[in-house]
Amino acid sequence: GPSFIQFIALGMGLLLAALCVCSMRWPQGIGRIRIGWIRGARALGTGL
């Protein structure tokens, strides 16, 4: 029975996993748009 604080941790954990998946699926970005998948993952790892 997660509390709200735990739910936020749950969401951040899933977001980290999603950023890692996206960095494998679209390493160069989507089209001509570069997205900071790895930058976000590094920041999220430090933040967690």
All heavy atoms as atom14 arrays in JSON, in Angstrom:
{
  "sequence": "GPSFIQFIALGMGLLLAALCVCSMRWPQGIGRIRIGWIRGARALGTGL",
  "atom14_mask": [
    [1, 1, 1, 1, 0, 0, 0, 0, 0, 0, 0, 0, 0, 0],
    [1, 1, 1, 1, 1, 1, 1, 0, 0, 0, 0, 0, 0, 0],
    [1, 1, 1, 1, 1, 1, 0, 0, 0, 0, 0, 0, 0, 0],
    [1, 1, 1, 1, 1, 1, 1, 1, 1, 1, 1, 0, 0, 0],
    [1, 1, 1, 1, 1, 1, 1, 1, 0, 0, 0, 0, 0, 0],
    [1, 1, 1, 1, 1, 1, 1, 1, 1, 0, 0, 0, 0, 0],
    [1, 1, 1, 1, 1, 1, 1, 1, 1, 1, 1, 0, 0, 0],
    [1, 1, 1, 1, 1, 1, 1, 1, 0, 0, 0, 0, 0, 0],
    [1, 1, 1, 1, 1, 0, 0, 0, 0, 0, 0, 0, 0, 0],
    [1, 1, 1, 1, 1, 1, 1, 1, 0, 0, 0, 0, 0, 0],
    [1, 1, 1, 1, 0, 0, 0, 0, 0, 0, 0, 0, 0, 0],
    [1, 1, 1, 1, 1, 1, 1, 1, 0, 0, 0, 0, 0, 0],
    [1, 1, 1, 1, 0, 0, 0, 0, 0, 0, 0, 0, 0, 0],
    [1, 1, 1, 1, 1, 1, 1, 1, 0, 0, 0, 0, 0, 0],
    [1, 1, 1, 1, 1, 1, 1, 1, 0, 0, 0, 0, 0, 0],
    [1, 1, 1, 1, 1, 1, 1, 1, 0, 0, 0, 0, 0, 0],
    [1, 1, 1, 1, 1, 0, 0, 0, 0, 0, 0, 0, 0, 0],
    [1, 1, 1, 1, 1, 0, 0, 0, 0, 0, 0, 0, 0, 0],
    [1, 1, 1, 1, 1, 1, 1, 1, 0, 0, 0, 0, 0, 0],
    [1, 1, 1, 1, 1, 1, 0, 0, 0, 0, 0, 0, 0, 0],
    [1, 1, 1, 1, 1, 1, 1, 0, 0, 0, 0, 0, 0, 0],
    [1, 1, 1, 1, 1, 1, 0, 0, 0, 0, 0, 0, 0, 0],
    [1, 1, 1, 1, 1, 1, 0, 0, 0, 0, 0, 0, 0, 0],
    [1, 1, 1, 1, 1, 1, 1, 1, 0, 0, 0, 0, 0, 0],
    [1, 1, 1, 1, 1, 1, 1, 1, 1, 1, 1, 0, 0, 0],
    [1, 1, 1, 1, 1, 1, 1, 1, 1, 1, 1, 1, 1, 1],
    [1, 1, 1, 1, 1, 1, 1, 0, 0, 0, 0, 0, 0, 0],
    [1, 1, 1, 1, 1, 1, 1, 1, 1, 0, 0, 0, 0, 0],
    [1, 1, 1, 1, 0, 0, 0, 0, 0, 0, 0, 0, 0, 0],
    [1, 1, 1, 1, 1, 1, 1, 1, 0, 0, 0, 0, 0, 0],
    [1, 1, 1, 1, 0, 0, 0, 0, 0, 0, 0, 0, 0, 0],
    [1, 1, 1, 1, 1, 1, 1, 1, 1, 1, 1, 0, 0, 0],
    [1, 1, 1, 1, 1, 1, 1, 1, 0, 0, 0, 0, 0, 0],
    [1, 1, 1, 1, 1, 1, 1, 1, 1, 1, 1, 0, 0, 0],
    [1, 1, 1, 1, 1, 1, 1, 1, 0, 0, 0, 0, 0, 0],
    [1, 1, 1, 1, 0, 0, 0, 0, 0, 0, 0, 0, 0, 0],
    [1, 1, 1, 1, 1, 1, 1, 1, 1, 1, 1, 1, 1, 1],
    [1, 1, 1, 1, 1, 1, 1, 1, 0, 0, 0, 0, 0, 0],
    [1, 1, 1, 1, 1, 1, 1, 1, 1, 1, 1, 0, 0, 0],
    [1, 1, 1, 1, 0, 0, 0, 0, 0, 0, 0, 0, 0, 0],
    [1, 1, 1, 1, 1, 0, 0, 0, 0, 0, 0, 0, 0, 0],
    [1, 1, 1, 1, 1, 1, 1, 1, 1, 1, 1, 0, 0, 0],
    [1, 1, 1, 1, 1, 0, 0, 0, 0, 0, 0, 0, 0, 0],
    [1, 1, 1, 1, 1, 1, 1, 1, 0, 0, 0, 0, 0, 0],
    [1, 1, 1, 1, 0, 0, 0, 0, 0, 0, 0, 0, 0, 0],
    [1, 1, 1, 1, 1, 1, 1, 0, 0, 0, 0, 0, 0, 0],
    [1, 1, 1, 1, 0, 0, 0, 0, 0, 0, 0, 0, 0, 0],
    [1, 1, 1, 1, 1, 1, 1, 1, 0, 0, 0, 0, 0, 0]
  ],
  "atom14_positions": [
    [[0.83, -1.21, 0.0], [0.0, 0.0, 0.0], [0.86, 1.25, 0.0], [1.08, 1.86, 1.06], [0.0, 0.0, 0.0], [0.0, 0.0, 0.0], [0.0, 0.0, 0.0], [0.0, 0.0, 0.0], [0.0, 0.0, 0.0], [0.0, 0.0, 0.0], [0.0, 0.0, 0.0], [0.0, 0.0, 0.0], [0.0, 0.0, 0.0], [0.0, 0.0, 0.0]],
    [[1.38, 1.64, -1.15], [2.3, 2.79, -1.19], [1.61, 4.08, -0.75], [0.44, 4.33, -1.08], [2.7, 2.86, -2.67], [2.33, 1.54, -3.25], [1.15, 1.06, -2.48], [0.0, 0.0, 0.0], [0.0, 0.0, 0.0], [0.0, 0.0, 0.0], [0.0, 0.0, 0.0], [0.0, 0.0, 0.0], [0.0, 0.0, 0.0], [0.0, 0.0, 0.0]],
    [[2.36, 4.91, -0.03], [1.91, 6.26, 0.29], [2.2, 7.15, -0.91], [2.78, 6.73, -1.91], [2.62, 6.78, 1.53], [4.0, 7.0, 1.25], [0.0, 0.0, 0.0], [0.0, 0.0, 0.0], [0.0, 0.0, 0.0], [0.0, 0.0, 0.0], [0.0, 0.0, 0.0], [0.0, 0.0, 0.0], [0.0, 0.0, 0.0], [0.0, 0.0, 0.0]],
    [[1.82, 8.43, -0.8], [2.03, 9.34, -1.93], [3.53, 9.52, -2.21], [3.94, 9.57, -3.38], [1.38, 10.7, -1.65], [1.49, 11.67, -2.79], [0.78, 11.46, -3.95], [2.32, 12.77, -2.7], [0.89, 12.34, -5.02], [2.43, 13.66, -3.75], [1.71, 13.45, -4.91], [0.0, 0.0, 0.0], [0.0, 0.0, 0.0], [0.0, 0.0, 0.0]],
    [[4.34, 9.62, -1.15], [5.78, 9.75, -1.33], [6.34, 8.53, -2.05], [7.21, 8.64, -2.93], [6.46, 9.94, 0.04], [6.14, 11.32, 0.62], [7.96, 9.75, -0.06], [6.7, 12.48, -0.17], [0.0, 0.0, 0.0], [0.0, 0.0, 0.0], [0.0, 0.0, 0.0], [0.0, 0.0, 0.0], [0.0, 0.0, 0.0], [0.0, 0.0, 0.0]],
    [[5.83, 7.35, -1.71], [6.28, 6.13, -2.38], [5.8, 6.06, -3.83], [6.51, 5.56, -4.7], [5.81, 4.9, -1.6], [6.5, 4.73, -0.26], [5.92, 3.6, 0.56], [4.71, 3.56, 0.81], [6.76, 2.67, 0.99], [0.0, 0.0, 0.0], [0.0, 0.0, 0.0], [0.0, 0.0, 0.0], [0.0, 0.0, 0.0], [0.0, 0.0, 0.0]],
    [[4.6, 6.58, -4.08], [4.1, 6.61, -5.45], [4.98, 7.47, -6.35], [5.22, 7.14, -7.52], [2.66, 7.13, -5.48], [1.63, 6.03, -5.53], [0.68, 5.92, -4.53], [1.61, 5.12, -6.58], [-0.27, 4.9, -4.56], [0.66, 4.1, -6.62], [-0.28, 3.99, -5.61], [0.0, 0.0, 0.0], [0.0, 0.0, 0.0], [0.0, 0.0, 0.0]],
    [[5.48, 8.58, -5.81], [6.37, 9.42, -6.61], [7.65, 8.67, -6.93], [8.17, 8.73, -8.06], [6.66, 10.74, -5.87], [5.37, 11.53, -5.63], [7.64, 11.59, -6.67], [5.57, 12.82, -4.88], [0.0, 0.0, 0.0], [0.0, 0.0, 0.0], [0.0, 0.0, 0.0], [0.0, 0.0, 0.0], [0.0, 0.0, 0.0], [0.0, 0.0, 0.0]],
    [[8.2, 7.94, -5.93], [9.4, 7.13, -6.19], [9.11, 6.07, -7.25], [9.96, 5.8, -8.11], [9.87, 6.48, -4.89], [0.0, 0.0, 0.0], [0.0, 0.0, 0.0], [0.0, 0.0, 0.0], [0.0, 0.0, 0.0], [0.0, 0.0, 0.0], [0.0, 0.0, 0.0], [0.0, 0.0, 0.0], [0.0, 0.0, 0.0], [0.0, 0.0, 0.0]],
    [[7.93, 5.49, -7.19], [7.53, 4.5, -8.2], [7.54, 5.13, -9.6], [8.09, 4.55, -10.55], [6.14, 3.96, -7.87], [5.56, 2.85, -8.75], [4.61, 1.98, -7.93], [4.79, 3.41, -9.95], [0.0, 0.0, 0.0], [0.0, 0.0, 0.0], [0.0, 0.0, 0.0], [0.0, 0.0, 0.0], [0.0, 0.0, 0.0], [0.0, 0.0, 0.0]],
    [[6.95, 6.3, -9.71], [6.92, 6.98, -11.01], [8.31, 7.33, -11.51], [8.6, 7.18, -12.71], [0.0, 0.0, 0.0], [0.0, 0.0, 0.0], [0.0, 0.0, 0.0], [0.0, 0.0, 0.0], [0.0, 0.0, 0.0], [0.0, 0.0, 0.0], [0.0, 0.0, 0.0], [0.0, 0.0, 0.0], [0.0, 0.0, 0.0], [0.0, 0.0, 0.0]],
    [[9.18, 7.77, -10.61], [10.54, 8.13, -11.03], [11.33, 6.9, -11.44], [12.14, 6.96, -12.38], [11.25, 8.87, -9.91], [10.75, 10.29, -9.69], [11.78, 11.24, -8.55], [11.12, 12.89, -8.82], [0.0, 0.0, 0.0], [0.0, 0.0, 0.0], [0.0, 0.0, 0.0], [0.0, 0.0, 0.0], [0.0, 0.0, 0.0], [0.0, 0.0, 0.0]],
    [[11.12, 5.77, -10.75], [11.79, 4.54, -11.15], [11.37, 4.1, -12.54], [12.21, 3.72, -13.37], [0.0, 0.0, 0.0], [0.0, 0.0, 0.0], [0.0, 0.0, 0.0], [0.0, 0.0, 0.0], [0.0, 0.0, 0.0], [0.0, 0.0, 0.0], [0.0, 0.0, 0.0], [0.0, 0.0, 0.0], [0.0, 0.0, 0.0], [0.0, 0.0, 0.0]],
    [[10.07, 4.16, -12.81], [9.58, 3.79, -14.14], [10.07, 4.78, -15.2], [10.35, 4.38, -16.34], [8.05, 3.74, -14.13], [7.43, 2.63, -13.27], [5.9, 2.7, -13.34], [7.92, 1.24, -13.72], [0.0, 0.0, 0.0], [0.0, 0.0, 0.0], [0.0, 0.0, 0.0], [0.0, 0.0, 0.0], [0.0, 0.0, 0.0], [0.0, 0.0, 0.0]],
    [[10.15, 6.05, -14.84], [10.65, 7.04, -15.79], [12.11, 6.77, -16.14], [12.51, 6.9, -17.32], [10.5, 8.45, -15.2], [11.03, 9.6, -16.07], [10.3, 9.64, -17.42], [10.88, 10.92, -15.34], [0.0, 0.0, 0.0], [0.0, 0.0, 0.0], [0.0, 0.0, 0.0], [0.0, 0.0, 0.0], [0.0, 0.0, 0.0], [0.0, 0.0, 0.0]],
    [[12.92, 6.39, -15.14], [14.31, 6.04, -15.42], [14.39, 4.86, -16.39], [15.18, 4.89, -17.35], [15.03, 5.71, -14.11], [16.48, 5.22, -14.24], [17.34, 6.27, -14.91], [17.04, 4.86, -12.87], [0.0, 0.0, 0.0], [0.0, 0.0, 0.0], [0.0, 0.0, 0.0], [0.0, 0.0, 0.0], [0.0, 0.0, 0.0], [0.0, 0.0, 0.0]],
    [[13.57, 3.85, -16.15], [13.56, 2.7, -17.06], [13.13, 3.12, -18.47], [13.71, 2.68, -19.47], [12.63, 1.61, -16.52], [0.0, 0.0, 0.0], [0.0, 0.0, 0.0], [0.0, 0.0, 0.0], [0.0, 0.0, 0.0], [0.0, 0.0, 0.0], [0.0, 0.0, 0.0], [0.0, 0.0, 0.0], [0.0, 0.0, 0.0], [0.0, 0.0, 0.0]],
    [[12.12, 3.99, -18.55], [11.64, 4.44, -19.86], [12.71, 5.25, -20.59], [12.88, 5.11, -21.81], [10.38, 5.29, -19.67], [0.0, 0.0, 0.0], [0.0, 0.0, 0.0], [0.0, 0.0, 0.0], [0.0, 0.0, 0.0], [0.0, 0.0, 0.0], [0.0, 0.0, 0.0], [0.0, 0.0, 0.0], [0.0, 0.0, 0.0], [0.0, 0.0, 0.0]],
    [[13.45, 6.09, -19.88], [14.52, 6.87, -20.52], [15.6, 5.95, -21.07], [16.15, 6.19, -22.16], [15.11, 7.86, -19.52], [14.22, 9.05, -19.14], [14.84, 9.86, -18.01], [13.96, 9.95, -20.34], [0.0, 0.0, 0.0], [0.0, 0.0, 0.0], [0.0, 0.0, 0.0], [0.0, 0.0, 0.0], [0.0, 0.0, 0.0], [0.0, 0.0, 0.0]],
    [[15.93, 4.89, -20.32], [16.94, 3.94, -20.81], [16.45, 3.21, -22.05], [17.21, 3.01, -23.02], [17.28, 2.93, -19.71], [18.13, 3.64, -18.28], [0.0, 0.0, 0.0], [0.0, 0.0, 0.0], [0.0, 0.0, 0.0], [0.0, 0.0, 0.0], [0.0, 0.0, 0.0], [0.0, 0.0, 0.0], [0.0, 0.0, 0.0], [0.0, 0.0, 0.0]],
    [[15.18, 2.82, -22.06], [14.62, 2.15, -23.23], [14.62, 3.08, -24.44], [14.99, 2.69, -25.55], [13.2, 1.65, -22.92], [12.52, 1.15, -24.21], [13.23, 0.54, -21.88], [0.0, 0.0, 0.0], [0.0, 0.0, 0.0], [0.0, 0.0, 0.0], [0.0, 0.0, 0.0], [0.0, 0.0, 0.0], [0.0, 0.0, 0.0], [0.0, 0.0, 0.0]],
    [[14.21, 4.31, -24.23], [14.17, 5.29, -25.34], [15.56, 5.58, -25.87], [15.74, 5.81, -27.08], [13.51, 6.58, -24.87], [11.74, 6.43, -24.56], [0.0, 0.0, 0.0], [0.0, 0.0, 0.0], [0.0, 0.0, 0.0], [0.0, 0.0, 0.0], [0.0, 0.0, 0.0], [0.0, 0.0, 0.0], [0.0, 0.0, 0.0], [0.0, 0.0, 0.0]],
    [[16.57, 5.59, -24.99], [17.94, 5.83, -25.46], [18.44, 4.69, -26.34], [19.33, 4.88, -27.18], [18.88, 6.02, -24.26], [19.03, 4.81, -23.54], [0.0, 0.0, 0.0], [0.0, 0.0, 0.0], [0.0, 0.0, 0.0], [0.0, 0.0, 0.0], [0.0, 0.0, 0.0], [0.0, 0.0, 0.0], [0.0, 0.0, 0.0], [0.0, 0.0, 0.0]],
    [[17.88, 3.48, -26.17], [18.23, 2.35, -27.04], [17.42, 2.38, -28.34], [17.93, 2.05, -29.4], [18.0, 1.03, -26.3], [18.94, 0.8, -25.14], [18.76, -0.85, -24.38], [17.21, -0.66, -23.52], [0.0, 0.0, 0.0], [0.0, 0.0, 0.0], [0.0, 0.0, 0.0], [0.0, 0.0, 0.0], [0.0, 0.0, 0.0], [0.0, 0.0, 0.0]],
    [[16.13, 2.77, -28.22], [15.24, 2.76, -29.39], [15.51, 3.94, -30.31], [15.52, 3.8, -31.53], [13.79, 2.78, -28.89], [12.75, 2.82, -30.01], [12.79, 1.54, -30.83], [11.8, 1.55, -31.88], [11.96, 2.14, -33.07], [13.09, 2.76, -33.35], [11.0, 2.09, -33.98], [0.0, 0.0, 0.0], [0.0, 0.0, 0.0], [0.0, 0.0, 0.0]],
    [[15.72, 5.13, -29.74], [15.96, 6.33, -30.55], [17.22, 7.04, -30.05], [17.15, 8.13, -29.47], [14.78, 7.29, -30.45], [13.49, 6.72, -30.95], [13.13, 6.5, -32.25], [12.36, 6.3, -30.16], [11.88, 5.97, -32.34], [11.36, 5.84, -31.06], [12.08, 6.27, -28.8], [10.13, 5.36, -30.63], [10.87, 5.79, -28.36], [9.92, 5.34, -29.26]],
    [[18.38, 6.43, -30.25], [19.62, 7.02, -29.71], [19.96, 8.37, -30.32], [20.6, 9.2, -29.66], [20.69, 5.96, -30.06], [20.11, 5.21, -31.21], [18.64, 5.19, -30.99], [0.0, 0.0, 0.0], [0.0, 0.0, 0.0], [0.0, 0.0, 0.0], [0.0, 0.0, 0.0], [0.0, 0.0, 0.0], [0.0, 0.0, 0.0], [0.0, 0.0, 0.0]],
    [[19.56, 8.61, -31.54], [19.85, 9.89, -32.2], [18.69, 10.87, -32.13], [18.71, 11.89, -32.81], [20.23, 9.62, -33.67], [21.4, 8.69, -33.85], [22.67, 9.21, -33.2], [22.94, 10.41, -33.22], [23.46, 8.31, -32.62], [0.0, 0.0, 0.0], [0.0, 0.0, 0.0], [0.0, 0.0, 0.0], [0.0, 0.0, 0.0], [0.0, 0.0, 0.0]],
    [[17.67, 10.54, -31.35], [16.51, 11.41, -31.28], [15.42, 10.92, -32.21], [15.52, 9.87, -32.85], [0.0, 0.0, 0.0], [0.0, 0.0, 0.0], [0.0, 0.0, 0.0], [0.0, 0.0, 0.0], [0.0, 0.0, 0.0], [0.0, 0.0, 0.0], [0.0, 0.0, 0.0], [0.0, 0.0, 0.0], [0.0, 0.0, 0.0], [0.0, 0.0, 0.0]],
    [[14.37, 11.7, -32.3], [13.24, 11.37, -33.17], [13.26, 12.34, -34.34], [13.05, 13.54, -34.17], [11.91, 11.47, -32.39], [11.93, 10.5, -31.2], [10.74, 11.17, -33.31], [10.7, 10.6, -30.32], [0.0, 0.0, 0.0], [0.0, 0.0, 0.0], [0.0, 0.0, 0.0], [0.0, 0.0, 0.0], [0.0, 0.0, 0.0], [0.0, 0.0, 0.0]],
    [[13.49, 11.8, -35.52], [13.63, 12.67, -36.68], [14.87, 13.52, -36.55], [15.97, 13.04, -36.27], [0.0, 0.0, 0.0], [0.0, 0.0, 0.0], [0.0, 0.0, 0.0], [0.0, 0.0, 0.0], [0.0, 0.0, 0.0], [0.0, 0.0, 0.0], [0.0, 0.0, 0.0], [0.0, 0.0, 0.0], [0.0, 0.0, 0.0], [0.0, 0.0, 0.0]],
    [[14.69, 14.82, -36.72], [15.81, 15.75, -36.57], [15.87, 16.38, -35.19], [16.69, 17.26, -34.94], [15.71, 16.86, -37.63], [15.82, 16.35, -39.07], [15.78, 17.51, -40.04], [15.93, 17.06, -41.42], [15.94, 17.86, -42.47], [15.8, 19.18, -42.29], [16.08, 17.38, -43.68], [0.0, 0.0, 0.0], [0.0, 0.0, 0.0], [0.0, 0.0, 0.0]],
    [[15.0, 15.95, -34.32], [14.92, 16.5, -32.96], [15.72, 15.62, -32.01], [15.44, 14.43, -31.87], [13.46, 16.61, -32.48], [12.64, 17.47, -33.46], [13.41, 17.19, -31.09], [13.14, 18.88, -33.61], [0.0, 0.0, 0.0], [0.0, 0.0, 0.0], [0.0, 0.0, 0.0], [0.0, 0.0, 0.0], [0.0, 0.0, 0.0], [0.0, 0.0, 0.0]],
    [[16.74, 16.2, -31.4], [17.55, 15.46, -30.44], [16.95, 15.63, -29.04], [16.66, 16.73, -28.6], [18.99, 15.97, -30.43], [19.91, 15.14, -29.53], [21.28, 15.76, -29.39], [21.94, 15.88, -30.68], [22.39, 17.04, -31.16], [22.22, 18.15, -30.48], [22.99, 17.07, -32.33], [0.0, 0.0, 0.0], [0.0, 0.0, 0.0], [0.0, 0.0, 0.0]],
    [[16.74, 14.51, -28.35], [16.17, 14.5, -27.01], [17.22, 13.96, -26.04], [17.91, 12.98, -26.35], [14.89, 13.65, -26.95], [13.87, 14.17, -27.97], [14.29, 13.67, -25.55], [12.63, 13.31, -28.09], [0.0, 0.0, 0.0], [0.0, 0.0, 0.0], [0.0, 0.0, 0.0], [0.0, 0.0, 0.0], [0.0, 0.0, 0.0], [0.0, 0.0, 0.0]],
    [[17.32, 14.57, -24.89], [18.35, 14.19, -23.92], [17.96, 13.0, -23.07], [17.81, 13.13, -21.85], [0.0, 0.0, 0.0], [0.0, 0.0, 0.0], [0.0, 0.0, 0.0], [0.0, 0.0, 0.0], [0.0, 0.0, 0.0], [0.0, 0.0, 0.0], [0.0, 0.0, 0.0], [0.0, 0.0, 0.0], [0.0, 0.0, 0.0], [0.0, 0.0, 0.0]],
    [[17.82, 11.83, -23.72], [17.46, 10.63, -22.95], [18.49, 10.33, -21.87], [18.14, 10.14, -20.69], [17.35, 9.42, -23.87], [16.46, 9.54, -25.08], [16.86, 9.42, -26.39], [15.05, 9.76, -25.11], [15.79, 9.57, -27.23], [14.65, 9.78, -26.48], [14.08, 9.98, -24.14], [13.35, 9.99, -26.88], [12.78, 10.18, -24.54], [12.41, 10.18, -25.89]],
    [[19.75, 10.27, -22.28], [20.81, 9.92, -21.34], [21.01, 11.04, -20.31], [21.22, 10.78, -19.12], [22.14, 9.64, -22.08], [21.94, 8.47, -23.05], [23.25, 9.33, -21.09], [21.54, 7.18, -22.38], [0.0, 0.0, 0.0], [0.0, 0.0, 0.0], [0.0, 0.0, 0.0], [0.0, 0.0, 0.0], [0.0, 0.0, 0.0], [0.0, 0.0, 0.0]],
    [[20.95, 12.27, -20.76], [21.08, 13.4, -19.83], [20.01, 13.31, -18.75], [20.28, 13.54, -17.56], [20.97, 14.71, -20.59], [22.16, 15.02, -21.48], [21.91, 16.27, -22.32], [23.08, 16.64, -23.1], [24.01, 17.48, -22.68], [23.9, 18.04, -21.49], [25.05, 17.76, -23.44], [0.0, 0.0, 0.0], [0.0, 0.0, 0.0], [0.0, 0.0, 0.0]],
    [[18.79, 13.02, -19.17], [17.71, 12.9, -18.2], [17.9, 11.71, -17.27], [17.63, 11.8, -16.07], [0.0, 0.0, 0.0], [0.0, 0.0, 0.0], [0.0, 0.0, 0.0], [0.0, 0.0, 0.0], [0.0, 0.0, 0.0], [0.0, 0.0, 0.0], [0.0, 0.0, 0.0], [0.0, 0.0, 0.0], [0.0, 0.0, 0.0], [0.0, 0.0, 0.0]],
    [[18.38, 10.59, -17.82], [18.61, 9.4, -17.0], [19.69, 9.65, -15.96], [19.58, 9.23, -14.8], [18.98, 8.22, -17.88], [0.0, 0.0, 0.0], [0.0, 0.0, 0.0], [0.0, 0.0, 0.0], [0.0, 0.0, 0.0], [0.0, 0.0, 0.0], [0.0, 0.0, 0.0], [0.0, 0.0, 0.0], [0.0, 0.0, 0.0], [0.0, 0.0, 0.0]],
    [[20.76, 10.33, -16.35], [21.84, 10.65, -15.4], [21.33, 11.56, -14.29], [21.64, 11.36, -13.1], [23.0, 11.31, -16.14], [23.81, 10.34, -17.01], [24.68, 11.09, -18.0], [25.68, 11.91, -17.34], [26.92, 11.53, -17.06], [27.3, 10.3, -17.39], [27.77, 12.33, -16.49], [0.0, 0.0, 0.0], [0.0, 0.0, 0.0], [0.0, 0.0, 0.0]],
    [[20.54, 12.57, -14.67], [19.98, 13.47, -13.66], [19.03, 12.72, -12.73], [19.02, 12.95, -11.51], [19.26, 14.63, -14.34], [0.0, 0.0, 0.0], [0.0, 0.0, 0.0], [0.0, 0.0, 0.0], [0.0, 0.0, 0.0], [0.0, 0.0, 0.0], [0.0, 0.0, 0.0], [0.0, 0.0, 0.0], [0.0, 0.0, 0.0], [0.0, 0.0, 0.0]],
    [[18.23, 11.82, -13.3], [17.27, 11.08, -12.5], [17.98, 10.09, -11.57], [17.55, 9.88, -10.42], [16.29, 10.34, -13.41], [15.01, 9.79, -12.77], [14.3, 10.87, -11.98], [14.1, 9.23, -13.85], [0.0, 0.0, 0.0], [0.0, 0.0, 0.0], [0.0, 0.0, 0.0], [0.0, 0.0, 0.0], [0.0, 0.0, 0.0], [0.0, 0.0, 0.0]],
    [[19.06, 9.47, -12.05], [19.83, 8.58, -11.19], [20.4, 9.31, -9.99], [20.33, 8.83, -8.85], [0.0, 0.0, 0.0], [0.0, 0.0, 0.0], [0.0, 0.0, 0.0], [0.0, 0.0, 0.0], [0.0, 0.0, 0.0], [0.0, 0.0, 0.0], [0.0, 0.0, 0.0], [0.0, 0.0, 0.0], [0.0, 0.0, 0.0], [0.0, 0.0, 0.0]],
    [[20.94, 10.49, -10.24], [21.47, 11.3, -9.13], [20.35, 11.74, -8.2], [20.48, 11.69, -6.97], [22.19, 12.54, -9.69], [23.22, 12.12, -10.59], [22.82, 13.35, -8.56], [0.0, 0.0, 0.0], [0.0, 0.0, 0.0], [0.0, 0.0, 0.0], [0.0, 0.0, 0.0], [0.0, 0.0, 0.0], [0.0, 0.0, 0.0], [0.0, 0.0, 0.0]],
    [[19.22, 12.17, -8.78], [18.1, 12.64, -7.98], [17.5, 11.56, -7.1], [17.15, 11.81, -5.93], [0.0, 0.0, 0.0], [0.0, 0.0, 0.0], [0.0, 0.0, 0.0], [0.0, 0.0, 0.0], [0.0, 0.0, 0.0], [0.0, 0.0, 0.0], [0.0, 0.0, 0.0], [0.0, 0.0, 0.0], [0.0, 0.0, 0.0], [0.0, 0.0, 0.0]],
    [[17.39, 10.33, -7.63], [16.86, 9.23, -6.83], [17.76, 8.92, -5.64], [17.29, 8.65, -4.53], [16.68, 7.99, -7.7], [15.42, 7.94, -8.57], [15.49, 6.76, -9.53], [14.17, 7.85, -7.7], [0.0, 0.0, 0.0], [0.0, 0.0, 0.0], [0.0, 0.0, 0.0], [0.0, 0.0, 0.0], [0.0, 0.0, 0.0], [0.0, 0.0, 0.0]]
  ]
}
